[in-house]
């Protein structure tokens, strides 16, 4: 299994949904899309070799990929949508309020981000009417000087966890934490259109995209995708958006209409043998 299939607990969520061991998912013969993308579903280094399936969230990604000649697509829907259906809201959860904010982030492997955090903080304070939770990616969360800026501004600062590297060091409950946090808020915002923006919009939060967009260090002018995203998804940009329009767009990009039954997912992932073994063990327990 490609190690990125474990990022954010995606394979674990699918395994639990399919009635298998959610702590030790079976091998998937292909690569899962691990985050929202406005292209073909995959980022740099995630082009499966021929004969291995490309499991993407939405038919939009499949069409974009096939437009450049890629094949072997299977559309499954986003793991986040499955988790939302599997994990009921906590009965004693507080009434949702305020905004959860996701600043544009880098990666620990090869990309750093530069931007004006002070200017971003000032604009957030001018814009958000309620309490603000600032959710930092672990790369920035582990930098005390960045974390302190948002804490000193009076924001609640959190991190959902790590995605891991080569099957180690990741938090498999990453999406569980994210889902619980999103449900605590009424707005989701970022300075770049991102996976979290779509997750929040799909739950009915009001999305917003504004503020210093920040940049990958060393990116060439015109290659950061910012203007393309704003032109393509103009309904999701700005400090206030239409919640219902945003939800429809999020459902399309996350593939709500492509979600499969457990039986169908076991078939496309090649998990029939694992399921048969689980059934046999359960039957032995019942008859023992």
Protein backbone atom coordinates (compact mmCIF):
# COMPACT_ATOMS: atom_id res chain seq x y z
CA UNK A 1 0.00 0.00 0.00
CA UNK A 2 1.27 3.47 -0.81
CA UNK A 3 2.03 5.15 2.52
CA UNK A 4 -0.01 8.24 1.56
CA UNK A 5 -3.14 6.05 1.81
CA UNK A 6 -2.63 6.21 5.58
CA UNK A 7 -2.39 10.01 5.71
CA UNK A 8 -5.03 11.59 7.94
CA UNK A 9 -6.43 8.11 8.65
CA UNK A 10 -8.12 7.73 5.26
CA UNK A 11 -7.52 3.99 4.85
CA UNK A 12 -8.55 3.46 8.47
CA UNK A 13 -11.87 5.24 7.95
CA UNK A 14 -12.62 3.21 4.84
CA UNK A 15 -11.71 -0.04 6.60
CA UNK A 16 -14.02 0.72 9.53
CA UNK A 17 -16.82 1.66 7.14
CA UNK A 18 -16.36 -1.67 5.36
CA UNK A 19 -16.67 -3.61 8.61
CA UNK A 20 -12.96 -4.40 8.85
CA UNK A 21 -10.29 -3.51 11.41
CA UNK A 22 -10.13 0.28 11.45
CA UNK A 23 -6.82 0.23 13.34
CA UNK A 24 -5.03 -1.98 10.81
CA UNK A 25 -6.50 -1.46 7.33
CA UNK A 26 -5.77 -3.99 4.58
CA UNK A 27 -3.63 -3.10 1.59
CA UNK A 28 -5.28 -0.99 -1.11
CA UNK A 29 -4.16 -1.83 -4.64
CA UNK A 30 -3.82 1.77 -5.74
CA UNK A 31 -3.46 5.29 -4.40
CA UNK A 32 -6.09 7.33 -2.61
CA UNK A 33 -6.50 11.04 -3.19
CA UNK A 34 -5.37 12.52 0.11
CA UNK A 35 -6.55 16.13 -0.18
CA UNK A 36 -8.71 18.41 -2.27
CA UNK A 37 -7.12 19.49 -5.52
CA UNK A 38 -8.39 21.60 -8.39
CA UNK A 39 -6.66 19.33 -10.92
CA UNK A 40 -6.66 15.53 -11.33
CA UNK A 41 -6.75 14.42 -7.71
CA UNK A 42 -3.04 13.96 -7.09
CA UNK A 43 -0.06 16.09 -6.26
CA UNK A 44 3.62 15.81 -7.02
CA UNK A 45 4.93 12.25 -6.64
CA UNK A 46 1.51 10.60 -6.49
CA UNK A 47 1.11 9.25 -10.00
CA UNK A 48 0.40 5.51 -9.61
CA UNK A 49 2.10 3.21 -12.12
CA UNK A 50 -0.03 1.59 -14.79
CA UNK A 51 -2.23 -1.18 -13.47
CA UNK A 52 -2.83 0.52 -10.14
CA UNK A 53 -6.08 2.35 -9.57
CA UNK A 54 -6.34 6.06 -8.92
CA UNK A 55 -8.98 6.35 -6.22
CA UNK A 56 -10.33 9.90 -6.32
CA UNK A 57 -13.07 11.67 -4.44
CA UNK A 58 -15.08 13.12 -7.28
CA UNK A 59 -16.01 12.70 -10.90
CA UNK A 60 -14.64 16.20 -11.41
CA UNK A 61 -11.14 14.90 -10.65
CA UNK A 62 -11.66 11.90 -12.93
CA UNK A 63 -12.63 14.12 -15.85
CA UNK A 64 -9.68 16.45 -15.27
CA UNK A 65 -7.31 13.48 -15.18
CA UNK A 66 -8.70 11.87 -18.28
CA UNK A 67 -8.36 15.19 -20.09
CA UNK A 68 -4.56 14.82 -19.81
CA UNK A 69 -4.59 11.15 -20.76
CA UNK A 70 -4.65 9.46 -17.36
CA UNK A 71 -6.77 6.33 -16.90
CA UNK A 72 -7.56 3.71 -14.23
CA UNK A 73 -9.75 6.08 -12.23
CA UNK A 74 -12.21 4.91 -9.57
CA UNK A 75 -14.43 7.54 -7.92
CA UNK A 76 -15.22 6.78 -4.27
CA UNK A 77 -16.19 10.02 -2.52
CA UNK A 78 -14.14 11.67 0.20
CA UNK A 79 -13.31 9.70 3.39
CA UNK A 80 -14.44 12.78 5.33
CA UNK A 81 -18.01 12.37 4.08
CA UNK A 82 -18.04 8.72 5.16
CA UNK A 83 -16.73 9.67 8.59
CA UNK A 84 -19.40 12.34 8.98
CA UNK A 85 -22.04 9.66 8.43
CA UNK A 86 -20.32 7.18 10.74
CA UNK A 87 -19.58 9.53 13.65
CA UNK A 88 -22.74 11.07 15.15
CA UNK A 89 -22.51 14.48 16.83
CA UNK A 90 -21.67 14.37 20.52
CA UNK A 91 -24.92 14.70 22.52
CA UNK A 92 -23.39 17.13 25.02
CA UNK A 93 -21.51 19.21 22.42
CA UNK A 94 -21.84 22.99 22.89
CA UNK A 95 -23.86 25.08 20.45
CA UNK A 96 -21.68 25.92 17.43
CA UNK A 97 -20.19 29.41 17.46
CA UNK A 98 -17.38 31.42 15.98
CA UNK A 99 -14.88 30.67 13.24
CA UNK A 100 -12.26 28.01 12.75
CA UNK A 101 -9.41 29.47 10.69
CA UNK A 102 -6.91 27.44 8.62
CA UNK A 103 -3.92 29.51 7.43
CA UNK A 104 -2.12 28.37 4.28
CA UNK A 105 0.66 26.00 5.31
CA UNK A 106 3.83 24.39 4.07
CA UNK A 107 5.00 20.80 4.27
CA UNK A 108 7.78 19.37 6.36
CA UNK A 109 9.30 17.61 3.36
CA UNK A 110 10.11 20.33 0.84
CA UNK A 111 7.91 23.43 0.97
CA UNK A 112 8.07 26.38 3.33
CA UNK A 113 5.65 29.30 3.42
CA UNK A 114 6.30 32.99 3.92
CA UNK A 115 3.73 35.65 4.69
CA UNK A 116 2.70 38.45 7.01
CA UNK A 117 1.11 36.81 10.07
CA UNK A 118 0.60 40.14 11.83
CA UNK A 119 -1.35 41.58 8.91
CA UNK A 120 -3.43 38.41 8.71
CA UNK A 121 -4.23 38.56 12.42
CA UNK A 122 -5.36 42.18 12.11
CA UNK A 123 -7.72 41.35 9.25
CA UNK A 124 -9.16 38.35 11.08
CA UNK A 125 -9.90 40.52 14.11
CA UNK A 126 -11.60 43.09 11.89
CA UNK A 127 -13.72 40.45 10.15
CA UNK A 128 -14.76 37.71 12.55
CA UNK A 129 -17.64 38.58 14.91
CA UNK A 130 -17.22 35.64 17.27
CA UNK A 131 -14.42 33.65 18.92
CA UNK A 132 -11.69 32.39 16.60
CA UNK A 133 -9.99 29.01 16.68
CA UNK A 134 -6.74 29.09 14.72
CA UNK A 135 -5.92 25.61 13.45
CA UNK A 136 -2.27 25.39 12.44
CA UNK A 137 -0.79 22.58 10.40
CA UNK A 138 1.77 20.70 12.45
CA UNK A 139 4.66 22.30 10.54
CA UNK A 140 3.68 25.77 11.79
CA UNK A 141 2.29 24.53 15.13
CA UNK A 142 5.73 23.22 16.06
CA UNK A 143 7.31 26.64 15.44
CA UNK A 144 6.88 28.51 18.76
CA UNK A 145 7.33 31.94 17.18
CA UNK A 146 4.41 31.38 14.80
CA UNK A 147 2.16 29.72 17.36
CA UNK A 148 2.80 32.52 19.86
CA UNK A 149 1.64 35.20 17.41
CA UNK A 150 -1.85 33.70 17.28
CA UNK A 151 -1.97 32.87 20.98
CA UNK A 152 -0.96 36.43 21.87
CA UNK A 153 -3.75 37.68 19.60
CA UNK A 154 -6.24 35.94 21.88
CA UNK A 155 -7.09 33.11 19.50
CA UNK A 156 -7.56 29.51 20.61
CA UNK A 157 -4.72 27.68 18.83
CA UNK A 158 -4.98 23.98 17.99
CA UNK A 159 -3.55 21.34 15.65
CA UNK A 160 -5.38 18.28 14.30
CA UNK A 161 -2.18 16.20 14.29
CA UNK A 162 0.36 14.85 11.81
CA UNK A 163 -0.14 12.99 8.56
CA UNK A 164 2.88 10.73 9.09
CA UNK A 165 5.67 9.48 6.84
CA UNK A 166 6.04 5.93 5.53
CA UNK A 167 3.35 4.50 7.79
CA UNK A 168 4.81 5.99 10.99
CA UNK A 169 4.32 9.11 13.06
CA UNK A 170 0.83 9.93 11.85
CA UNK A 171 -2.38 10.53 13.79
CA UNK A 172 -4.96 8.16 12.39
CA UNK A 173 -7.69 10.11 14.19
CA UNK A 174 -6.73 13.31 12.35
CA UNK A 175 -10.07 13.56 10.52
CA UNK A 176 -11.96 12.61 13.67
CA UNK A 177 -10.41 15.62 15.42
CA UNK A 178 -11.11 17.84 12.42
CA UNK A 179 -14.74 16.78 12.18
CA UNK A 180 -15.36 17.44 15.88
CA UNK A 181 -13.72 20.87 15.65
CA UNK A 182 -15.62 21.90 12.53
CA UNK A 183 -18.89 20.96 14.20
CA UNK A 184 -18.07 23.38 17.03
CA UNK A 185 -18.10 26.39 14.70
CA UNK A 186 -20.45 28.23 12.36
CA UNK A 187 -17.78 29.53 9.95
CA UNK A 188 -14.67 28.07 8.35
CA UNK A 189 -12.09 30.41 6.84
CA UNK A 190 -8.68 30.38 5.21
CA UNK A 191 -6.40 32.61 3.18
CA UNK A 192 -6.35 29.97 0.42
CA UNK A 193 -9.10 27.71 -0.86
CA UNK A 194 -8.28 24.40 0.77
CA UNK A 195 -9.46 20.95 1.77
CA UNK A 196 -10.67 22.26 5.13
CA UNK A 197 -12.78 24.92 3.41
CA UNK A 198 -14.67 22.25 1.49
CA UNK A 199 -15.06 20.04 4.56
CA UNK A 200 -16.64 22.89 6.49
CA UNK A 201 -18.89 23.92 3.60
CA UNK A 202 -20.11 20.33 3.23
CA UNK A 203 -21.17 20.41 6.90
CA UNK A 204 -23.12 23.64 6.40
CA UNK A 205 -20.58 26.10 7.81
CA UNK A 206 -20.22 29.44 6.04
CA UNK A 207 -16.89 29.36 4.21
CA UNK A 208 -14.71 32.41 3.69
CA UNK A 209 -11.44 32.94 1.85
CA UNK A 210 -9.63 36.21 2.52
CA UNK A 211 -6.44 37.74 3.91
CA UNK A 212 -2.75 37.66 3.01
CA UNK A 213 -2.60 34.59 0.73
CA UNK A 214 1.02 33.83 1.69
CA UNK A 215 3.34 32.03 -0.71
CA UNK A 216 5.52 28.97 -1.04
CA UNK A 217 9.09 30.16 -0.66
CA UNK A 218 10.68 30.54 -4.09
CA UNK A 219 7.48 30.13 -6.12
CA UNK A 220 7.54 31.81 -9.52
CA UNK A 221 5.11 34.64 -10.24
CA UNK A 222 1.91 33.27 -11.73
CA UNK A 223 2.57 29.69 -10.60
CA UNK A 224 0.93 29.69 -7.16
CA UNK A 225 -2.59 28.97 -8.47
CA UNK A 226 -4.19 31.72 -6.40
CA UNK A 227 -5.74 33.67 -9.28
CA UNK A 228 -6.94 30.50 -11.01
CA UNK A 229 -8.68 29.33 -7.83
CA UNK A 230 -10.38 32.66 -7.30
CA UNK A 231 -11.56 32.77 -10.91
CA UNK A 232 -12.81 29.15 -10.89
CA UNK A 233 -14.39 29.17 -7.42
CA UNK A 234 -15.43 32.80 -7.08
CA UNK A 235 -18.52 31.82 -5.03
CA UNK A 236 -16.26 30.59 -2.23
CA UNK A 237 -13.98 33.64 -2.06
CA UNK A 238 -14.62 36.69 0.06
CA UNK A 239 -15.44 37.35 3.69
CA UNK A 240 -19.07 36.26 3.35
CA UNK A 241 -20.54 33.64 1.04
CA UNK A 242 -23.83 31.89 0.27
CA UNK A 243 -23.94 28.81 2.49
CA UNK A 244 -26.21 26.74 0.25
CA UNK A 245 -24.25 27.52 -2.90
CA UNK A 246 -21.05 26.63 -1.07
CA UNK A 247 -22.51 23.34 0.15
CA UNK A 248 -23.47 22.32 -3.39
CA UNK A 249 -19.96 23.09 -4.65
CA UNK A 250 -18.39 21.19 -1.75
CA UNK A 251 -20.61 18.17 -2.35
CA UNK A 252 -19.50 18.12 -5.99
CA UNK A 253 -15.79 18.47 -5.19
CA UNK A 254 -15.90 15.91 -2.35
CA UNK A 255 -17.98 13.45 -4.38
CA UNK A 256 -21.07 13.02 -2.23
CA UNK A 257 -22.96 11.53 -5.18
CA UNK A 258 -20.20 8.93 -5.71
CA UNK A 259 -20.21 7.44 -2.21
CA UNK A 260 -20.37 3.65 -2.21
CA UNK A 261 -21.86 0.99 0.01
CA UNK A 262 -19.49 -1.14 2.12
CA UNK A 263 -19.95 -3.99 -0.34
CA UNK A 264 -18.98 -1.80 -3.28
CA UNK A 265 -15.91 -0.38 -1.55
CA UNK A 266 -14.70 -3.82 -0.53
CA UNK A 267 -14.97 -4.83 -4.18
CA UNK A 268 -13.02 -1.89 -5.65
CA UNK A 269 -10.33 -1.97 -2.92
CA UNK A 270 -9.85 -5.74 -3.26
CA UNK A 271 -10.90 -6.40 0.30
CA UNK A 272 -13.21 -9.38 -0.36
CA UNK A 273 -10.81 -11.92 1.16
CA UNK A 274 -10.37 -9.86 4.32
CA UNK A 275 -14.13 -9.55 4.62
CA UNK A 276 -14.63 -13.31 4.13
CA UNK A 277 -12.05 -13.99 6.85
CA UNK A 278 -13.74 -11.54 9.21
CA UNK A 279 -17.11 -13.19 8.57
CA UNK A 280 -15.65 -16.63 9.20
CA UNK A 281 -14.09 -15.56 12.49
CA UNK A 282 -17.33 -13.94 13.62
CA UNK A 283 -19.24 -17.10 12.74
CA UNK A 284 -16.82 -19.22 14.77
CA UNK A 285 -17.30 -16.93 17.74
CA UNK A 286 -21.08 -17.17 17.49
CA UNK A 287 -21.11 -20.96 17.21
CA UNK A 288 -18.44 -21.56 19.87
